[in-house]
Amino acid sequence: PRSLRSTPVDLTEAPDVAHFVGRVTALATLTQWISGTPATVSPCRLI
């Protein structure tokens, strides 16, 4: 496996996304896709 970037990326200016506002359903769906839960959902490799 190769690193996608050879140089570090500065994320100090990236927005704070600790809290999603009004996106509870979308966040739950995204969490299921990433983690592969429930058992009937396969984890996604790219979203």
ModelCIF file with pLDDT and N, C-alpha, C, O atoms, coordinates in Angstrom:
data_MODEL
#
_entry.id   MODEL 
#
_entity.id                         1 
_entity.type                       polymer 
_entity.pdbx_number_of_molecules   1 
#
_entity_poly.entity_id                      1 
_entity_poly.type                           'polypeptide(L)' 
_entity_poly.nstd_linkage                   no 
_entity_poly.nstd_monomer                   no 
_entity_poly.pdbx_seq_one_letter_code       PRSLRSTPVDLTEAPDVAHFVGRVTALATLTQWISGTPATVSPCRLI 
_entity_poly.pdbx_seq_one_letter_code_can   PRSLRSTPVDLTEAPDVAHFVGRVTALATLTQWISGTPATVSPCRLI 
_entity_poly.pdbx_strand_id                 A 
#
loop_
_entity_poly_seq.entity_id 
_entity_poly_seq.num 
_entity_poly_seq.mon_id 
_entity_poly_seq.hetero 
1 1  PRO n 
1 2  ARG n 
1 3  SER n 
1 4  LEU n 
1 5  ARG n 
1 6  SER n 
1 7  THR n 
1 8  PRO n 
1 9  VAL n 
1 10 ASP n 
1 11 LEU n 
1 12 THR n 
1 13 GLU n 
1 14 ALA n 
1 15 PRO n 
1 16 ASP n 
1 17 VAL n 
1 18 ALA n 
1 19 HIS n 
1 20 PHE n 
1 21 VAL n 
1 22 GLY n 
1 23 ARG n 
1 24 VAL n 
1 25 THR n 
1 26 ALA n 
1 27 LEU n 
1 28 ALA n 
1 29 THR n 
1 30 LEU n 
1 31 THR n 
1 32 GLN n 
1 33 TRP n 
1 34 ILE n 
1 35 SER n 
1 36 GLY n 
1 37 THR n 
1 38 PRO n 
1 39 ALA n 
1 40 THR n 
1 41 VAL n 
1 42 SER n 
1 43 PRO n 
1 44 CYS n 
1 45 ARG n 
1 46 LEU n 
1 47 ILE n 
#
_struct_asym.id          A 
_struct_asym.entity_id   1 
#
loop_
_ma_qa_metric.id 
_ma_qa_metric.mode 
_ma_qa_metric.name 
_ma_qa_metric.software_group_id 
_ma_qa_metric.type 
1 global pLDDT . pLDDT 
2 local  pLDDT . pLDDT 
#
_ma_qa_metric_global.metric_id      1 
_ma_qa_metric_global.metric_value   68.13 
_ma_qa_metric_global.model_id       1 
_ma_qa_metric_global.ordinal_id     1 
#
loop_
_ma_qa_metric_local.label_asym_id 
_ma_qa_metric_local.label_comp_id 
_ma_qa_metric_local.label_seq_id 
_ma_qa_metric_local.metric_id 
_ma_qa_metric_local.metric_value 
_ma_qa_metric_local.model_id 
_ma_qa_metric_local.ordinal_id 
A PRO 1  2 51.00 1 1  
A ARG 2  2 47.00 1 2  
A SER 3  2 49.00 1 3  
A LEU 4  2 50.00 1 4  
A ARG 5  2 49.00 1 5  
A SER 6  2 57.00 1 6  
A THR 7  2 65.00 1 7  
A PRO 8  2 69.00 1 8  
A VAL 9  2 68.00 1 9  
A ASP 10 2 72.00 1 10 
A LEU 11 2 68.00 1 11 
A THR 12 2 73.00 1 12 
A GLU 13 2 73.00 1 13 
A ALA 14 2 71.00 1 14 
A PRO 15 2 68.00 1 15 
A ASP 16 2 67.00 1 16 
A VAL 17 2 64.00 1 17 
A ALA 18 2 65.00 1 18 
A HIS 19 2 65.00 1 19 
A PHE 20 2 60.00 1 20 
A VAL 21 2 65.00 1 21 
A GLY 22 2 68.00 1 22 
A ARG 23 2 70.00 1 23 
A VAL 24 2 75.00 1 24 
A THR 25 2 80.00 1 25 
A ALA 26 2 75.00 1 26 
A LEU 27 2 74.00 1 27 
A ALA 28 2 78.00 1 28 
A THR 29 2 78.00 1 29 
A LEU 30 2 74.00 1 30 
A THR 31 2 76.00 1 31 
A GLN 32 2 79.00 1 32 
A TRP 33 2 76.00 1 33 
A ILE 34 2 75.00 1 34 
A SER 35 2 76.00 1 35 
A GLY 36 2 71.00 1 36 
A THR 37 2 70.00 1 37 
A PRO 38 2 67.00 1 38 
A ALA 39 2 63.00 1 39 
A THR 40 2 63.00 1 40 
A VAL 41 2 66.00 1 41 
A SER 42 2 69.00 1 42 
A PRO 43 2 70.00 1 43 
A CYS 44 2 71.00 1 44 
A ARG 45 2 71.00 1 45 
A LEU 46 2 76.00 1 46 
A ILE 47 2 75.00 1 47 
#
loop_
_atom_site.group_PDB 
_atom_site.id 
_atom_site.type_symbol 
_atom_site.label_atom_id 
_atom_site.label_alt_id 
_atom_site.label_comp_id 
_atom_site.label_asym_id 
_atom_site.label_entity_id 
_atom_site.label_seq_id 
_atom_site.pdbx_PDB_ins_code 
_atom_site.Cartn_x 
_atom_site.Cartn_y 
_atom_site.Cartn_z 
_atom_site.occupancy 
_atom_site.B_iso_or_equiv 
_atom_site.pdbx_formal_charge 
_atom_site.auth_seq_id 
_atom_site.auth_comp_id 
_atom_site.auth_asym_id 
_atom_site.auth_atom_id 
_atom_site.pdbx_PDB_model_num 
ATOM 1   N N  . PRO A 1 1  ? 0.832   -1.207 0.000  1.00 51.00 ? 1  PRO A N  1 
ATOM 2   C CA . PRO A 1 1  ? 0.000   0.000  0.000  1.00 51.00 ? 1  PRO A CA 1 
ATOM 3   C C  . PRO A 1 1  ? 0.863   1.251  0.000  1.00 51.00 ? 1  PRO A C  1 
ATOM 4   O O  . PRO A 1 1  ? 1.876   1.334  0.694  1.00 51.00 ? 1  PRO A O  1 
ATOM 5   N N  . ARG A 1 2  ? 0.443   2.199  -0.780 1.00 47.00 ? 2  ARG A N  1 
ATOM 6   C CA . ARG A 1 2  ? 1.174   3.461  -0.850 1.00 47.00 ? 2  ARG A CA 1 
ATOM 7   C C  . ARG A 1 2  ? 0.370   4.539  -0.167 1.00 47.00 ? 2  ARG A C  1 
ATOM 8   O O  . ARG A 1 2  ? -0.860  4.502  -0.143 1.00 47.00 ? 2  ARG A O  1 
ATOM 9   N N  . SER A 1 3  ? 1.065   5.479  0.375  1.00 49.00 ? 3  SER A N  1 
ATOM 10  C CA . SER A 1 3  ? 0.404   6.633  0.967  1.00 49.00 ? 3  SER A CA 1 
ATOM 11  C C  . SER A 1 3  ? -0.194  7.460  -0.163 1.00 49.00 ? 3  SER A C  1 
ATOM 12  O O  . SER A 1 3  ? 0.411   7.596  -1.226 1.00 49.00 ? 3  SER A O  1 
ATOM 13  N N  . LEU A 1 4  ? -1.367  8.004  0.065  1.00 50.00 ? 4  LEU A N  1 
ATOM 14  C CA . LEU A 1 4  ? -1.997  8.817  -0.974 1.00 50.00 ? 4  LEU A CA 1 
ATOM 15  C C  . LEU A 1 4  ? -1.255  10.128 -1.180 1.00 50.00 ? 4  LEU A C  1 
ATOM 16  O O  . LEU A 1 4  ? -1.230  10.670 -2.285 1.00 50.00 ? 4  LEU A O  1 
ATOM 17  N N  . ARG A 1 5  ? -0.657  10.631 -0.120 1.00 49.00 ? 5  ARG A N  1 
ATOM 18  C CA . ARG A 1 5  ? 0.113   11.866 -0.208 1.00 49.00 ? 5  ARG A CA 1 
ATOM 19  C C  . ARG A 1 5  ? 1.492   11.633 0.380  1.00 49.00 ? 5  ARG A C  1 
ATOM 20  O O  . ARG A 1 5  ? 1.637   10.972 1.409  1.00 49.00 ? 5  ARG A O  1 
ATOM 21  N N  . SER A 1 6  ? 2.484   12.169 -0.268 1.00 57.00 ? 6  SER A N  1 
ATOM 22  C CA . SER A 1 6  ? 3.837   11.993 0.245  1.00 57.00 ? 6  SER A CA 1 
ATOM 23  C C  . SER A 1 6  ? 4.198   13.081 1.245  1.00 57.00 ? 6  SER A C  1 
ATOM 24  O O  . SER A 1 6  ? 5.135   12.917 2.027  1.00 57.00 ? 6  SER A O  1 
ATOM 25  N N  . THR A 1 7  ? 3.463   14.193 1.229  1.00 65.00 ? 7  THR A N  1 
ATOM 26  C CA . THR A 1 7  ? 3.745   15.268 2.174  1.00 65.00 ? 7  THR A CA 1 
ATOM 27  C C  . THR A 1 7  ? 2.565   15.437 3.124  1.00 65.00 ? 7  THR A C  1 
ATOM 28  O O  . THR A 1 7  ? 1.419   15.217 2.733  1.00 65.00 ? 7  THR A O  1 
ATOM 29  N N  . PRO A 1 8  ? 2.838   15.827 4.372  1.00 69.00 ? 8  PRO A N  1 
ATOM 30  C CA . PRO A 1 8  ? 1.739   16.032 5.326  1.00 69.00 ? 8  PRO A CA 1 
ATOM 31  C C  . PRO A 1 8  ? 0.821   17.163 4.876  1.00 69.00 ? 8  PRO A C  1 
ATOM 32  O O  . PRO A 1 8  ? 1.248   18.097 4.196  1.00 69.00 ? 8  PRO A O  1 
ATOM 33  N N  . VAL A 1 9  ? -0.444  17.061 5.268  1.00 68.00 ? 9  VAL A N  1 
ATOM 34  C CA . VAL A 1 9  ? -1.435  18.078 4.931  1.00 68.00 ? 9  VAL A CA 1 
ATOM 35  C C  . VAL A 1 9  ? -1.731  18.888 6.179  1.00 68.00 ? 9  VAL A C  1 
ATOM 36  O O  . VAL A 1 9  ? -1.994  18.324 7.241  1.00 68.00 ? 9  VAL A O  1 
ATOM 37  N N  . ASP A 1 10 ? -1.690  20.210 6.057  1.00 72.00 ? 10 ASP A N  1 
ATOM 38  C CA . ASP A 1 10 ? -1.981  21.093 7.186  1.00 72.00 ? 10 ASP A CA 1 
ATOM 39  C C  . ASP A 1 10 ? -3.489  21.261 7.306  1.00 72.00 ? 10 ASP A C  1 
ATOM 40  O O  . ASP A 1 10 ? -4.124  21.859 6.436  1.00 72.00 ? 10 ASP A O  1 
ATOM 41  N N  . LEU A 1 11 ? -4.068  20.728 8.396  1.00 68.00 ? 11 LEU A N  1 
ATOM 42  C CA . LEU A 1 11 ? -5.516  20.808 8.604  1.00 68.00 ? 11 LEU A CA 1 
ATOM 43  C C  . LEU A 1 11 ? -5.889  21.803 9.699  1.00 68.00 ? 11 LEU A C  1 
ATOM 44  O O  . LEU A 1 11 ? -6.999  21.748 10.228 1.00 68.00 ? 11 LEU A O  1 
ATOM 45  N N  . THR A 1 12 ? -4.979  22.709 10.043 1.00 73.00 ? 12 THR A N  1 
ATOM 46  C CA . THR A 1 12 ? -5.284  23.657 11.121 1.00 73.00 ? 12 THR A CA 1 
ATOM 47  C C  . THR A 1 12 ? -6.411  24.611 10.742 1.00 73.00 ? 12 THR A C  1 
ATOM 48  O O  . THR A 1 12 ? -7.103  25.129 11.618 1.00 73.00 ? 12 THR A O  1 
ATOM 49  N N  . GLU A 1 13 ? -6.599  24.844 9.465  1.00 73.00 ? 13 GLU A N  1 
ATOM 50  C CA . GLU A 1 13 ? -7.655  25.749 9.017  1.00 73.00 ? 13 GLU A CA 1 
ATOM 51  C C  . GLU A 1 13 ? -8.935  25.005 8.634  1.00 73.00 ? 13 GLU A C  1 
ATOM 52  O O  . GLU A 1 13 ? -9.894  25.629 8.181  1.00 73.00 ? 13 GLU A O  1 
ATOM 53  N N  . ALA A 1 14 ? -8.965  23.701 8.808  1.00 71.00 ? 14 ALA A N  1 
ATOM 54  C CA . ALA A 1 14 ? -10.151 22.920 8.456  1.00 71.00 ? 14 ALA A CA 1 
ATOM 55  C C  . ALA A 1 14 ? -11.288 23.264 9.414  1.00 71.00 ? 14 ALA A C  1 
ATOM 56  O O  . ALA A 1 14 ? -11.038 23.526 10.591 1.00 71.00 ? 14 ALA A O  1 
ATOM 57  N N  . PRO A 1 15 ? -12.528 23.267 8.936  1.00 68.00 ? 15 PRO A N  1 
ATOM 58  C CA . PRO A 1 15 ? -13.662 23.596 9.807  1.00 68.00 ? 15 PRO A CA 1 
ATOM 59  C C  . PRO A 1 15 ? -13.848 22.553 10.910 1.00 68.00 ? 15 PRO A C  1 
ATOM 60  O O  . PRO A 1 15 ? -13.542 21.374 10.732 1.00 68.00 ? 15 PRO A O  1 
ATOM 61  N N  . ASP A 1 16 ? -14.355 23.015 12.048 1.00 67.00 ? 16 ASP A N  1 
ATOM 62  C CA . ASP A 1 16 ? -14.662 22.121 13.160 1.00 67.00 ? 16 ASP A CA 1 
ATOM 63  C C  . ASP A 1 16 ? -15.971 21.406 12.841 1.00 67.00 ? 16 ASP A C  1 
ATOM 64  O O  . ASP A 1 16 ? -17.010 22.046 12.674 1.00 67.00 ? 16 ASP A O  1 
ATOM 65  N N  . VAL A 1 17 ? -15.918 20.084 12.759 1.00 64.00 ? 17 VAL A N  1 
ATOM 66  C CA . VAL A 1 17 ? -17.110 19.320 12.418 1.00 64.00 ? 17 VAL A CA 1 
ATOM 67  C C  . VAL A 1 17 ? -17.485 18.366 13.549 1.00 64.00 ? 17 VAL A C  1 
ATOM 68  O O  . VAL A 1 17 ? -17.972 17.262 13.308 1.00 64.00 ? 17 VAL A O  1 
ATOM 69  N N  . ALA A 1 18 ? -17.257 18.798 14.762 1.00 65.00 ? 18 ALA A N  1 
ATOM 70  C CA . ALA A 1 18 ? -17.571 17.945 15.906 1.00 65.00 ? 18 ALA A CA 1 
ATOM 71  C C  . ALA A 1 18 ? -19.070 17.734 16.044 1.00 65.00 ? 18 ALA A C  1 
ATOM 72  O O  . ALA A 1 18 ? -19.498 16.689 16.534 1.00 65.00 ? 18 ALA A O  1 
ATOM 73  N N  . HIS A 1 19 ? -19.878 18.701 15.621 1.00 65.00 ? 19 HIS A N  1 
ATOM 74  C CA . HIS A 1 19 ? -21.325 18.586 15.772 1.00 65.00 ? 19 HIS A CA 1 
ATOM 75  C C  . HIS A 1 19 ? -21.999 18.766 14.419 1.00 65.00 ? 19 HIS A C  1 
ATOM 76  O O  . HIS A 1 19 ? -21.751 19.737 13.705 1.00 65.00 ? 19 HIS A O  1 
ATOM 77  N N  . PHE A 1 20 ? -22.856 17.805 14.084 1.00 60.00 ? 20 PHE A N  1 
ATOM 78  C CA . PHE A 1 20 ? -23.673 17.918 12.881 1.00 60.00 ? 20 PHE A CA 1 
ATOM 79  C C  . PHE A 1 20 ? -25.006 18.506 13.296 1.00 60.00 ? 20 PHE A C  1 
ATOM 80  O O  . PHE A 1 20 ? -25.604 18.061 14.276 1.00 60.00 ? 20 PHE A O  1 
ATOM 81  N N  . VAL A 1 21 ? -25.476 19.499 12.563 1.00 65.00 ? 21 VAL A N  1 
ATOM 82  C CA . VAL A 1 21 ? -26.732 20.144 12.893 1.00 65.00 ? 21 VAL A CA 1 
ATOM 83  C C  . VAL A 1 21 ? -27.773 19.751 11.855 1.00 65.00 ? 21 VAL A C  1 
ATOM 84  O O  . VAL A 1 21 ? -27.599 19.995 10.661 1.00 65.00 ? 21 VAL A O  1 
ATOM 85  N N  . GLY A 1 22 ? -28.873 19.130 12.328 1.00 68.00 ? 22 GLY A N  1 
ATOM 86  C CA . GLY A 1 22 ? -29.976 18.788 11.434 1.00 68.00 ? 22 GLY A CA 1 
ATOM 87  C C  . GLY A 1 22 ? -29.674 17.652 10.479 1.00 68.00 ? 22 GLY A C  1 
ATOM 88  O O  . GLY A 1 22 ? -30.375 17.493 9.480  1.00 68.00 ? 22 GLY A O  1 
ATOM 89  N N  . ARG A 1 23 ? -28.683 16.882 10.747 1.00 70.00 ? 23 ARG A N  1 
ATOM 90  C CA . ARG A 1 23 ? -28.293 15.789 9.848  1.00 70.00 ? 23 ARG A CA 1 
ATOM 91  C C  . ARG A 1 23 ? -28.211 14.457 10.588 1.00 70.00 ? 23 ARG A C  1 
ATOM 92  O O  . ARG A 1 23 ? -27.355 13.630 10.274 1.00 70.00 ? 23 ARG A O  1 
ATOM 93  N N  . VAL A 1 24 ? -29.080 14.242 11.554 1.00 75.00 ? 24 VAL A N  1 
ATOM 94  C CA . VAL A 1 24 ? -29.027 13.038 12.383 1.00 75.00 ? 24 VAL A CA 1 
ATOM 95  C C  . VAL A 1 24 ? -29.203 11.781 11.535 1.00 75.00 ? 24 VAL A C  1 
ATOM 96  O O  . VAL A 1 24 ? -28.442 10.824 11.679 1.00 75.00 ? 24 VAL A O  1 
ATOM 97  N N  . THR A 1 25 ? -30.196 11.779 10.656 1.00 80.00 ? 25 THR A N  1 
ATOM 98  C CA . THR A 1 25 ? -30.449 10.603 9.813  1.00 80.00 ? 25 THR A CA 1 
ATOM 99  C C  . THR A 1 25 ? -29.295 10.372 8.851  1.00 80.00 ? 25 THR A C  1 
ATOM 100 O O  . THR A 1 25 ? -28.848 9.239  8.672  1.00 80.00 ? 25 THR A O  1 
ATOM 101 N N  . ALA A 1 26 ? -28.813 11.444 8.231  1.00 75.00 ? 26 ALA A N  1 
ATOM 102 C CA . ALA A 1 26 ? -27.704 11.320 7.289  1.00 75.00 ? 26 ALA A CA 1 
ATOM 103 C C  . ALA A 1 26 ? -26.442 10.834 8.001  1.00 75.00 ? 26 ALA A C  1 
ATOM 104 O O  . ALA A 1 26 ? -25.715 10.001 7.460  1.00 75.00 ? 26 ALA A O  1 
ATOM 105 N N  . LEU A 1 27 ? -26.174 11.334 9.188  1.00 74.00 ? 27 LEU A N  1 
ATOM 106 C CA . LEU A 1 27 ? -25.006 10.914 9.953  1.00 74.00 ? 27 LEU A CA 1 
ATOM 107 C C  . LEU A 1 27 ? -25.116 9.442  10.350 1.00 74.00 ? 27 LEU A C  1 
ATOM 108 O O  . LEU A 1 27 ? -24.125 8.714  10.303 1.00 74.00 ? 27 LEU A O  1 
ATOM 109 N N  . ALA A 1 28 ? -26.317 8.999  10.741 1.00 78.00 ? 28 ALA A N  1 
ATOM 110 C CA . ALA A 1 28 ? -26.527 7.596  11.110 1.00 78.00 ? 28 ALA A CA 1 
ATOM 111 C C  . ALA A 1 28 ? -26.287 6.683  9.903  1.00 78.00 ? 28 ALA A C  1 
ATOM 112 O O  . ALA A 1 28 ? -25.660 5.632  10.031 1.00 78.00 ? 28 ALA A O  1 
ATOM 113 N N  . THR A 1 29 ? -26.787 7.087  8.739  1.00 78.00 ? 29 THR A N  1 
ATOM 114 C CA . THR A 1 29 ? -26.580 6.306  7.516  1.00 78.00 ? 29 THR A CA 1 
ATOM 115 C C  . THR A 1 29 ? -25.096 6.240  7.174  1.00 78.00 ? 29 THR A C  1 
ATOM 116 O O  . THR A 1 29 ? -24.577 5.174  6.844  1.00 78.00 ? 29 THR A O  1 
ATOM 117 N N  . LEU A 1 30 ? -24.421 7.371  7.252  1.00 74.00 ? 30 LEU A N  1 
ATOM 118 C CA . LEU A 1 30 ? -22.994 7.425  6.962  1.00 74.00 ? 30 LEU A CA 1 
ATOM 119 C C  . LEU A 1 30 ? -22.206 6.538  7.928  1.00 74.00 ? 30 LEU A C  1 
ATOM 120 O O  . LEU A 1 30 ? -21.276 5.845  7.518  1.00 74.00 ? 30 LEU A O  1 
ATOM 121 N N  . THR A 1 31 ? -22.575 6.560  9.197  1.00 76.00 ? 31 THR A N  1 
ATOM 122 C CA . THR A 1 31 ? -21.915 5.722  10.207 1.00 76.00 ? 31 THR A CA 1 
ATOM 123 C C  . THR A 1 31 ? -22.110 4.243  9.876  1.00 76.00 ? 31 THR A C  1 
ATOM 124 O O  . THR A 1 31 ? -21.171 3.458  10.004 1.00 76.00 ? 31 THR A O  1 
ATOM 125 N N  . GLN A 1 32 ? -23.314 3.851  9.452  1.00 79.00 ? 32 GLN A N  1 
ATOM 126 C CA . GLN A 1 32 ? -23.573 2.457  9.070  1.00 79.00 ? 32 GLN A CA 1 
ATOM 127 C C  . GLN A 1 32 ? -22.729 2.060  7.863  1.00 79.00 ? 32 GLN A C  1 
ATOM 128 O O  . GLN A 1 32 ? -22.173 0.963  7.822  1.00 79.00 ? 32 GLN A O  1 
ATOM 129 N N  . TRP A 1 33 ? -22.635 2.950  6.887  1.00 76.00 ? 33 TRP A N  1 
ATOM 130 C CA . TRP A 1 33 ? -21.858 2.638  5.691  1.00 76.00 ? 33 TRP A CA 1 
ATOM 131 C C  . TRP A 1 33 ? -20.392 2.419  6.040  1.00 76.00 ? 33 TRP A C  1 
ATOM 132 O O  . TRP A 1 33 ? -19.762 1.489  5.535  1.00 76.00 ? 33 TRP A O  1 
ATOM 133 N N  . ILE A 1 34 ? -19.850 3.269  6.898  1.00 75.00 ? 34 ILE A N  1 
ATOM 134 C CA . ILE A 1 34 ? -18.430 3.182  7.244  1.00 75.00 ? 34 ILE A CA 1 
ATOM 135 C C  . ILE A 1 34 ? -18.148 1.960  8.109  1.00 75.00 ? 34 ILE A C  1 
ATOM 136 O O  . ILE A 1 34 ? -17.183 1.236  7.867  1.00 75.00 ? 34 ILE A O  1 
ATOM 137 N N  . SER A 1 35 ? -18.980 1.729  9.109  1.00 76.00 ? 35 SER A N  1 
ATOM 138 C CA . SER A 1 35 ? -18.698 0.653  10.057 1.00 76.00 ? 35 SER A CA 1 
ATOM 139 C C  . SER A 1 35 ? -19.217 -0.706 9.598  1.00 76.00 ? 35 SER A C  1 
ATOM 140 O O  . SER A 1 35 ? -18.751 -1.737 10.083 1.00 76.00 ? 35 SER A O  1 
ATOM 141 N N  . GLY A 1 36 ? -20.155 -0.723 8.689  1.00 71.00 ? 36 GLY A N  1 
ATOM 142 C CA . GLY A 1 36 ? -20.713 -1.986 8.216  1.00 71.00 ? 36 GLY A CA 1 
ATOM 143 C C  . GLY A 1 36 ? -21.742 -2.567 9.167  1.00 71.00 ? 36 GLY A C  1 
ATOM 144 O O  . GLY A 1 36 ? -21.989 -3.773 9.142  1.00 71.00 ? 36 GLY A O  1 
ATOM 145 N N  . THR A 1 37 ? -22.346 -1.736 10.005 1.00 70.00 ? 37 THR A N  1 
ATOM 146 C CA . THR A 1 37 ? -23.417 -2.212 10.890 1.00 70.00 ? 37 THR A CA 1 
ATOM 147 C C  . THR A 1 37 ? -24.728 -1.655 10.373 1.00 70.00 ? 37 THR A C  1 
ATOM 148 O O  . THR A 1 37 ? -24.730 -0.524 9.885  1.00 70.00 ? 37 THR A O  1 
ATOM 149 N N  . PRO A 1 38 ? -25.807 -2.342 10.442 1.00 67.00 ? 38 PRO A N  1 
ATOM 150 C CA . PRO A 1 38 ? -25.986 -3.696 10.953 1.00 67.00 ? 38 PRO A CA 1 
ATOM 151 C C  . PRO A 1 38 ? -25.265 -4.701 10.071 1.00 67.00 ? 38 PRO A C  1 
ATOM 152 O O  . PRO A 1 38 ? -24.699 -4.345 9.037  1.00 67.00 ? 38 PRO A O  1 
ATOM 153 N N  . ALA A 1 39 ? -25.293 -5.954 10.487 1.00 63.00 ? 39 ALA A N  1 
ATOM 154 C CA . ALA A 1 39 ? -24.520 -7.008 9.824  1.00 63.00 ? 39 ALA A CA 1 
ATOM 155 C C  . ALA A 1 39 ? -24.864 -7.168 8.347  1.00 63.00 ? 39 ALA A C  1 
ATOM 156 O O  . ALA A 1 39 ? -24.066 -7.719 7.590  1.00 63.00 ? 39 ALA A O  1 
ATOM 157 N N  . THR A 1 40 ? -26.030 -6.699 7.924  1.00 63.00 ? 40 THR A N  1 
ATOM 158 C CA . THR A 1 40 ? -26.430 -6.858 6.522  1.00 63.00 ? 40 THR A CA 1 
ATOM 159 C C  . THR A 1 40 ? -25.765 -5.830 5.622  1.00 63.00 ? 40 THR A C  1 
ATOM 160 O O  . THR A 1 40 ? -25.842 -5.944 4.399  1.00 63.00 ? 40 THR A O  1 
ATOM 161 N N  . VAL A 1 41 ? -25.114 -4.829 6.202  1.00 66.00 ? 41 VAL A N  1 
ATOM 162 C CA . VAL A 1 41 ? -24.477 -3.780 5.414  1.00 66.00 ? 41 VAL A CA 1 
ATOM 163 C C  . VAL A 1 41 ? -22.983 -4.041 5.375  1.00 66.00 ? 41 VAL A C  1 
ATOM 164 O O  . VAL A 1 41 ? -22.364 -4.207 6.425  1.00 66.00 ? 41 VAL A O  1 
ATOM 165 N N  . SER A 1 42 ? -22.386 -4.082 4.185  1.00 69.00 ? 42 SER A N  1 
ATOM 166 C CA . SER A 1 42 ? -20.936 -4.251 4.070  1.00 69.00 ? 42 SER A CA 1 
ATOM 167 C C  . SER A 1 42 ? -20.264 -2.906 4.250  1.00 69.00 ? 42 SER A C  1 
ATOM 168 O O  . SER A 1 42 ? -20.805 -1.892 3.807  1.00 69.00 ? 42 SER A O  1 
ATOM 169 N N  . PRO A 1 43 ? -19.100 -2.862 4.887  1.00 70.00 ? 43 PRO A N  1 
ATOM 170 C CA . PRO A 1 43 ? -18.406 -1.588 5.020  1.00 70.00 ? 43 PRO A CA 1 
ATOM 171 C C  . PRO A 1 43 ? -18.026 -1.041 3.652  1.00 70.00 ? 43 PRO A C  1 
ATOM 172 O O  . PRO A 1 43 ? -17.572 -1.788 2.786  1.00 70.00 ? 43 PRO A O  1 
ATOM 173 N N  . CYS A 1 44 ? -18.208 0.244  3.459  1.00 71.00 ? 44 CYS A N  1 
ATOM 174 C CA . CYS A 1 44 ? -17.844 0.880  2.194  1.00 71.00 ? 44 CYS A CA 1 
ATOM 175 C C  . CYS A 1 44 ? -16.369 1.232  2.218  1.00 71.00 ? 44 CYS A C  1 
ATOM 176 O O  . CYS A 1 44 ? -15.830 1.623  3.253  1.00 71.00 ? 44 CYS A O  1 
ATOM 177 N N  . ARG A 1 45 ? -15.726 1.092  1.081  1.00 71.00 ? 45 ARG A N  1 
ATOM 178 C CA . ARG A 1 45 ? -14.315 1.437  0.996  1.00 71.00 ? 45 ARG A CA 1 
ATOM 179 C C  . ARG A 1 45 ? -14.129 2.880  0.559  1.00 71.00 ? 45 ARG A C  1 
ATOM 180 O O  . ARG A 1 45 ? -13.063 3.461  0.766  1.00 71.00 ? 45 ARG A O  1 
ATOM 181 N N  . LEU A 1 46 ? -15.153 3.458  -0.040 1.00 76.00 ? 46 LEU A N  1 
ATOM 182 C CA . LEU A 1 46 ? -15.048 4.835  -0.505 1.00 76.00 ? 46 LEU A CA 1 
ATOM 183 C C  . LEU A 1 46 ? -16.426 5.480  -0.421 1.00 76.00 ? 46 LEU A C  1 
ATOM 184 O O  . LEU A 1 46 ? -17.414 4.926  -0.903 1.00 76.00 ? 46 LEU A O  1 
ATOM 185 N N  . ILE A 1 47 ? -16.479 6.639  0.185  1.00 75.00 ? 47 ILE A N  1 
ATOM 186 C CA . ILE A 1 47 ? -17.727 7.401  0.261  1.00 75.00 ? 47 ILE A CA 1 
ATOM 187 C C  . ILE A 1 47 ? -17.396 8.817  -0.176 1.00 75.00 ? 47 ILE A C  1 
ATOM 188 O O  . ILE A 1 47 ? -18.278 9.676  -0.205 1.00 75.00 ? 47 ILE A O  1 
#
